Every structure is written in structure tokens, then in C-alpha cells.
Amino acid sequence: MSEGDAQGRLVRPFALTGGRTRPSRADFTLITTVTAVDPPPERAPRGQPEHARILRLCARPVAVAELAALLDLPVSVVVILLSDLLEAGRITARAPHPVSRTVADLDLLKKVREGLGRL
């Protein structure tokens, strides 16, 4: 990699986010599922090429971490771009379902363990 390539990689994320270092929203975690809105809103603003790439990749539900890997961009940059798209109504974001730890779950696990012990 030449010195110019290394410098270009450092500048690019900064340029993609317009110099922003924090997202405008706190809706996203690494496992938040993102899906493109189909069809897009009538008055949706045109974005950067990266916005279009994100929308194509989000045709099916995809996790934020997976999206960052597919785009080969830092998660922090992807979250800023996703915040833009969410505010424009171009995507939906769904938080993961919390895992419940109920007594019934523990009872079931104990029964499974006992059953396996008898095998």
C-alpha cells in the first residue's frame, strides 16, 4: 500500500460523515437489525453513494456489524450513515429481543440436564 492509499483511507471515513464523529441518534447497537423501506418515501433526500450501497445491502434484514463488514467501513461511520437514513425514513431499525431468564426456563434446563445425565 502506498503512502497516498494510507492517507486516503484515513480521510475517507471523515469525509463520508461530513466531519461528524457521533451519530445523531442512539438507536443502533452491533446487533440492531436494519431493513430498507420499500418503496422509499416520496420526498427522500438523495444521499451519498454509500447511502445507496447501504440501502441495497439492507433489502433484507441485516445486523449493523455485518453491514459494516460488508461495506469495509468502521462501525462508527456506518452508524452515522444509518442515522441519516433512519431520519430520512429510508430504513427501519429493530433492536434485538431481550432474552428473558424466567423460572420456567431454568426448570426446563434442569430437566434437560437430568435427562442427559440418565443417557
C-alpha atoms as a PDB file:
ATOM      1  CA  MET A   1       0.000   0.000   0.000  1.00  0.00           C
ATOM      2  CA  SER A   2       1.432   3.377  -0.960  1.00  0.00           C
ATOM      3  CA  GLU A   3       1.513   6.346   1.372  1.00  0.00           C
ATOM      4  CA  GLY A   4      -1.261   8.024  -0.638  1.00  0.00           C
ATOM      5  CA  ASP A   5      -3.519   4.985  -0.187  1.00  0.00           C
ATOM      6  CA  ALA A   6      -2.950   5.000   3.562  1.00  0.00           C
ATOM      7  CA  GLN A   7      -3.769   8.702   3.789  1.00  0.00           C
ATOM      8  CA  GLY A   8      -6.859   8.244   1.598  1.00  0.00           C
ATOM      9  CA  ARG A   9      -8.203   5.546   3.922  1.00  0.00           C
ATOM     10  CA  LEU A  10      -7.795   7.869   6.909  1.00  0.00           C
ATOM     11  CA  VAL A  11      -9.563  10.776   5.247  1.00  0.00           C
ATOM     12  CA  ARG A  12     -12.403   8.824   3.651  1.00  0.00           C
ATOM     13  CA  PRO A  13     -14.472   7.990   6.764  1.00  0.00           C
ATOM     14  CA  PHE A  14     -14.163  11.601   7.910  1.00  0.00           C
ATOM     15  CA  ALA A  15     -15.385  12.777   4.515  1.00  0.00           C
ATOM     16  CA  LEU A  16     -18.247  10.238   4.460  1.00  0.00           C
ATOM     17  CA  THR A  17     -19.668  11.563   7.700  1.00  0.00           C
ATOM     18  CA  GLY A  18     -19.182  15.233   6.878  1.00  0.00           C
ATOM     19  CA  GLY A  19     -16.768  15.503   9.782  1.00  0.00           C
ATOM     20  CA  ARG A  20     -19.257  14.109  12.294  1.00  0.00           C
ATOM     21  CA  THR A  21     -17.844  11.765  14.885  1.00  0.00           C
ATOM     22  CA  ARG A  22     -21.074  10.825  16.660  1.00  0.00           C
ATOM     23  CA  PRO A  23     -24.428   9.680  15.313  1.00  0.00           C
ATOM     24  CA  SER A  24     -27.427  11.936  15.719  1.00  0.00           C
ATOM     25  CA  ARG A  25     -29.345   9.025  17.260  1.00  0.00           C
ATOM     26  CA  ALA A  26     -28.618   6.256  19.735  1.00  0.00           C
ATOM     27  CA  ASP A  27     -30.820   3.611  18.074  1.00  0.00           C
ATOM     28  CA  PHE A  28     -28.023   1.342  16.918  1.00  0.00           C
ATOM     29  CA  THR A  29     -26.032  -1.437  18.557  1.00  0.00           C
ATOM     30  CA  LEU A  30     -23.879  -4.006  16.790  1.00  0.00           C
ATOM     31  CA  ILE A  31     -26.814  -6.428  16.636  1.00  0.00           C
ATOM     32  CA  THR A  32     -29.562  -3.978  15.683  1.00  0.00           C
ATOM     33  CA  THR A  33     -31.310  -5.258  12.552  1.00  0.00           C
ATOM     34  CA  VAL A  34     -31.660  -2.742   9.732  1.00  0.00           C
ATOM     35  CA  THR A  35     -34.014  -3.045   6.747  1.00  0.00           C
ATOM     36  CA  ALA A  36     -34.548  -0.712   3.785  1.00  0.00           C
ATOM     37  CA  VAL A  37     -38.010   0.812   3.427  1.00  0.00           C
ATOM     38  CA  ASP A  38     -39.675  -0.294   0.221  1.00  0.00           C
ATOM     39  CA  PRO A  39     -40.775   1.780  -1.542  1.00  0.00           C
ATOM     40  CA  PRO A  40     -38.740   4.753  -0.340  1.00  0.00           C
ATOM     41  CA  PRO A  41     -40.601   7.845   0.883  1.00  0.00           C
ATOM     42  CA  GLU A  42     -41.608  10.244  -1.894  1.00  0.00           C
ATOM     43  CA  ARG A  43     -39.506  13.127  -0.634  1.00  0.00           C
ATOM     44  CA  ALA A  44     -36.465  11.148   0.500  1.00  0.00           C
ATOM     45  CA  PRO A  45     -33.288  13.164   0.035  1.00  0.00           C
ATOM     46  CA  ARG A  46     -30.606  11.859  -2.292  1.00  0.00           C
ATOM     47  CA  GLY A  47     -27.575  10.749  -0.381  1.00  0.00           C
ATOM     48  CA  GLN A  48     -24.026   9.710  -0.968  1.00  0.00           C
ATOM     49  CA  PRO A  49     -23.059   6.575  -2.907  1.00  0.00           C
ATOM     50  CA  GLU A  50     -22.507   4.845   0.444  1.00  0.00           C
ATOM     51  CA  HIS A  51     -26.134   5.539   1.375  1.00  0.00           C
ATOM     52  CA  ALA A  52     -27.204   3.776  -1.843  1.00  0.00           C
ATOM     53  CA  ARG A  53     -24.905   0.828  -1.072  1.00  0.00           C
ATOM     54  CA  ILE A  54     -26.381   0.535   2.409  1.00  0.00           C
ATOM     55  CA  LEU A  55     -29.915   0.556   1.009  1.00  0.00           C
ATOM     56  CA  ARG A  56     -29.058  -2.214  -1.464  1.00  0.00           C
ATOM     57  CA  LEU A  57     -27.488  -4.330   1.277  1.00  0.00           C
ATOM     58  CA  CYS A  58     -30.495  -3.724   3.537  1.00  0.00           C
ATOM     59  CA  ALA A  59     -33.004  -5.118   1.057  1.00  0.00           C
ATOM     60  CA  ARG A  60     -33.128  -7.993   3.538  1.00  0.00           C
ATOM     61  CA  PRO A  61     -32.687  -7.508   7.287  1.00  0.00           C
ATOM     62  CA  VAL A  62     -29.021  -7.189   8.208  1.00  0.00           C
ATOM     63  CA  ALA A  63     -27.211  -6.523  11.500  1.00  0.00           C
ATOM     64  CA  VAL A  64     -25.175  -3.336  11.890  1.00  0.00           C
ATOM     65  CA  ALA A  65     -21.943  -5.291  12.478  1.00  0.00           C
ATOM     66  CA  GLU A  66     -22.488  -7.373   9.342  1.00  0.00           C
ATOM     67  CA  LEU A  67     -23.249  -4.251   7.340  1.00  0.00           C
ATOM     68  CA  ALA A  68     -20.009  -2.596   8.480  1.00  0.00           C
ATOM     69  CA  ALA A  69     -18.082  -5.712   7.439  1.00  0.00           C
ATOM     70  CA  LEU A  70     -19.757  -5.819   4.019  1.00  0.00           C
ATOM     71  CA  LEU A  71     -19.019  -2.116   3.459  1.00  0.00           C
ATOM     72  CA  ASP A  72     -15.460  -2.443   4.833  1.00  0.00           C
ATOM     73  CA  LEU A  73     -16.058   0.652   6.964  1.00  0.00           C
ATOM     74  CA  PRO A  74     -15.697   1.267  10.698  1.00  0.00           C
ATOM     75  CA  VAL A  75     -18.885   0.582  12.654  1.00  0.00           C
ATOM     76  CA  SER A  76     -18.863   4.168  13.960  1.00  0.00           C
ATOM     77  CA  VAL A  77     -19.020   5.523  10.393  1.00  0.00           C
ATOM     78  CA  VAL A  78     -21.763   3.075   9.390  1.00  0.00           C
ATOM     79  CA  VAL A  79     -23.852   4.075  12.416  1.00  0.00           C
ATOM     80  CA  ILE A  80     -23.620   7.749  11.430  1.00  0.00           C
ATOM     81  CA  LEU A  81     -24.736   6.912   7.882  1.00  0.00           C
ATOM     82  CA  LEU A  82     -27.547   4.707   9.226  1.00  0.00           C
ATOM     83  CA  SER A  83     -28.710   7.564  11.465  1.00  0.00           C
ATOM     84  CA  ASP A  84     -29.007   9.752   8.359  1.00  0.00           C
ATOM     85  CA  LEU A  85     -31.054   7.103   6.566  1.00  0.00           C
ATOM     86  CA  LEU A  86     -33.286   6.465   9.582  1.00  0.00           C
ATOM     87  CA  GLU A  87     -34.052  10.177   9.946  1.00  0.00           C
ATOM     88  CA  ALA A  88     -34.862  10.348   6.215  1.00  0.00           C
ATOM     89  CA  GLY A  89     -37.294   7.430   6.563  1.00  0.00           C
ATOM     90  CA  ARG A  90     -35.252   5.205   4.235  1.00  0.00           C
ATOM     91  CA  ILE A  91     -34.634   2.375   6.732  1.00  0.00           C
ATOM     92  CA  THR A  92     -36.153   0.789   9.795  1.00  0.00           C
ATOM     93  CA  ALA A  93     -34.102  -0.322  12.779  1.00  0.00           C
ATOM     94  CA  ARG A  94     -35.182  -3.073  15.134  1.00  0.00           C
ATOM     95  CA  ALA A  95     -33.443  -3.712  18.417  1.00  0.00           C
ATOM     96  CA  PRO A  96     -32.830  -7.326  19.379  1.00  0.00           C
ATOM     97  CA  HIS A  97     -35.416  -9.022  21.545  1.00  0.00           C
ATOM     98  CA  PRO A  98     -34.268  -9.240  25.143  1.00  0.00           C
ATOM     99  CA  VAL A  99     -33.607 -12.725  26.410  1.00  0.00           C
ATOM    100  CA  SER A 100     -35.766 -13.494  29.393  1.00  0.00           C
ATOM    101  CA  ARG A 101     -34.463 -15.608  32.215  1.00  0.00           C
ATOM    102  CA  THR A 102     -37.608 -16.969  33.783  1.00  0.00           C
ATOM    103  CA  VAL A 103     -38.004 -19.683  36.357  1.00  0.00           C
ATOM    104  CA  ALA A 104     -39.686 -21.840  33.711  1.00  0.00           C
ATOM    105  CA  ASP A 105     -36.576 -21.568  31.507  1.00  0.00           C
ATOM    106  CA  LEU A 106     -34.366 -22.668  34.390  1.00  0.00           C
ATOM    107  CA  ASP A 107     -36.675 -25.574  35.221  1.00  0.00           C
ATOM    108  CA  LEU A 108     -36.598 -26.715  31.609  1.00  0.00           C
ATOM    109  CA  LEU A 109     -32.787 -26.533  31.525  1.00  0.00           C
ATOM    110  CA  LYS A 110     -32.568 -28.585  34.740  1.00  0.00           C
ATOM    111  CA  LYS A 111     -34.868 -31.242  33.266  1.00  0.00           C
ATOM    112  CA  VAL A 112     -32.791 -31.374  30.091  1.00  0.00           C
ATOM    113  CA  ARG A 113     -29.587 -31.722  32.140  1.00  0.00           C
ATOM    114  CA  GLU A 114     -31.142 -34.534  34.221  1.00  0.00           C
ATOM    115  CA  GLY A 115     -32.340 -36.293  31.082  1.00  0.00           C
ATOM    116  CA  LEU A 116     -28.903 -36.087  29.511  1.00  0.00           C
ATOM    117  CA  GLY A 117     -27.373 -37.391  32.738  1.00  0.00           C
ATOM    118  CA  ARG A 118     -29.570 -40.516  32.502  1.00  0.00           C
ATOM    119  CA  LEU A 119     -28.353 -41.341  28.989  1.00  0.00           C
END
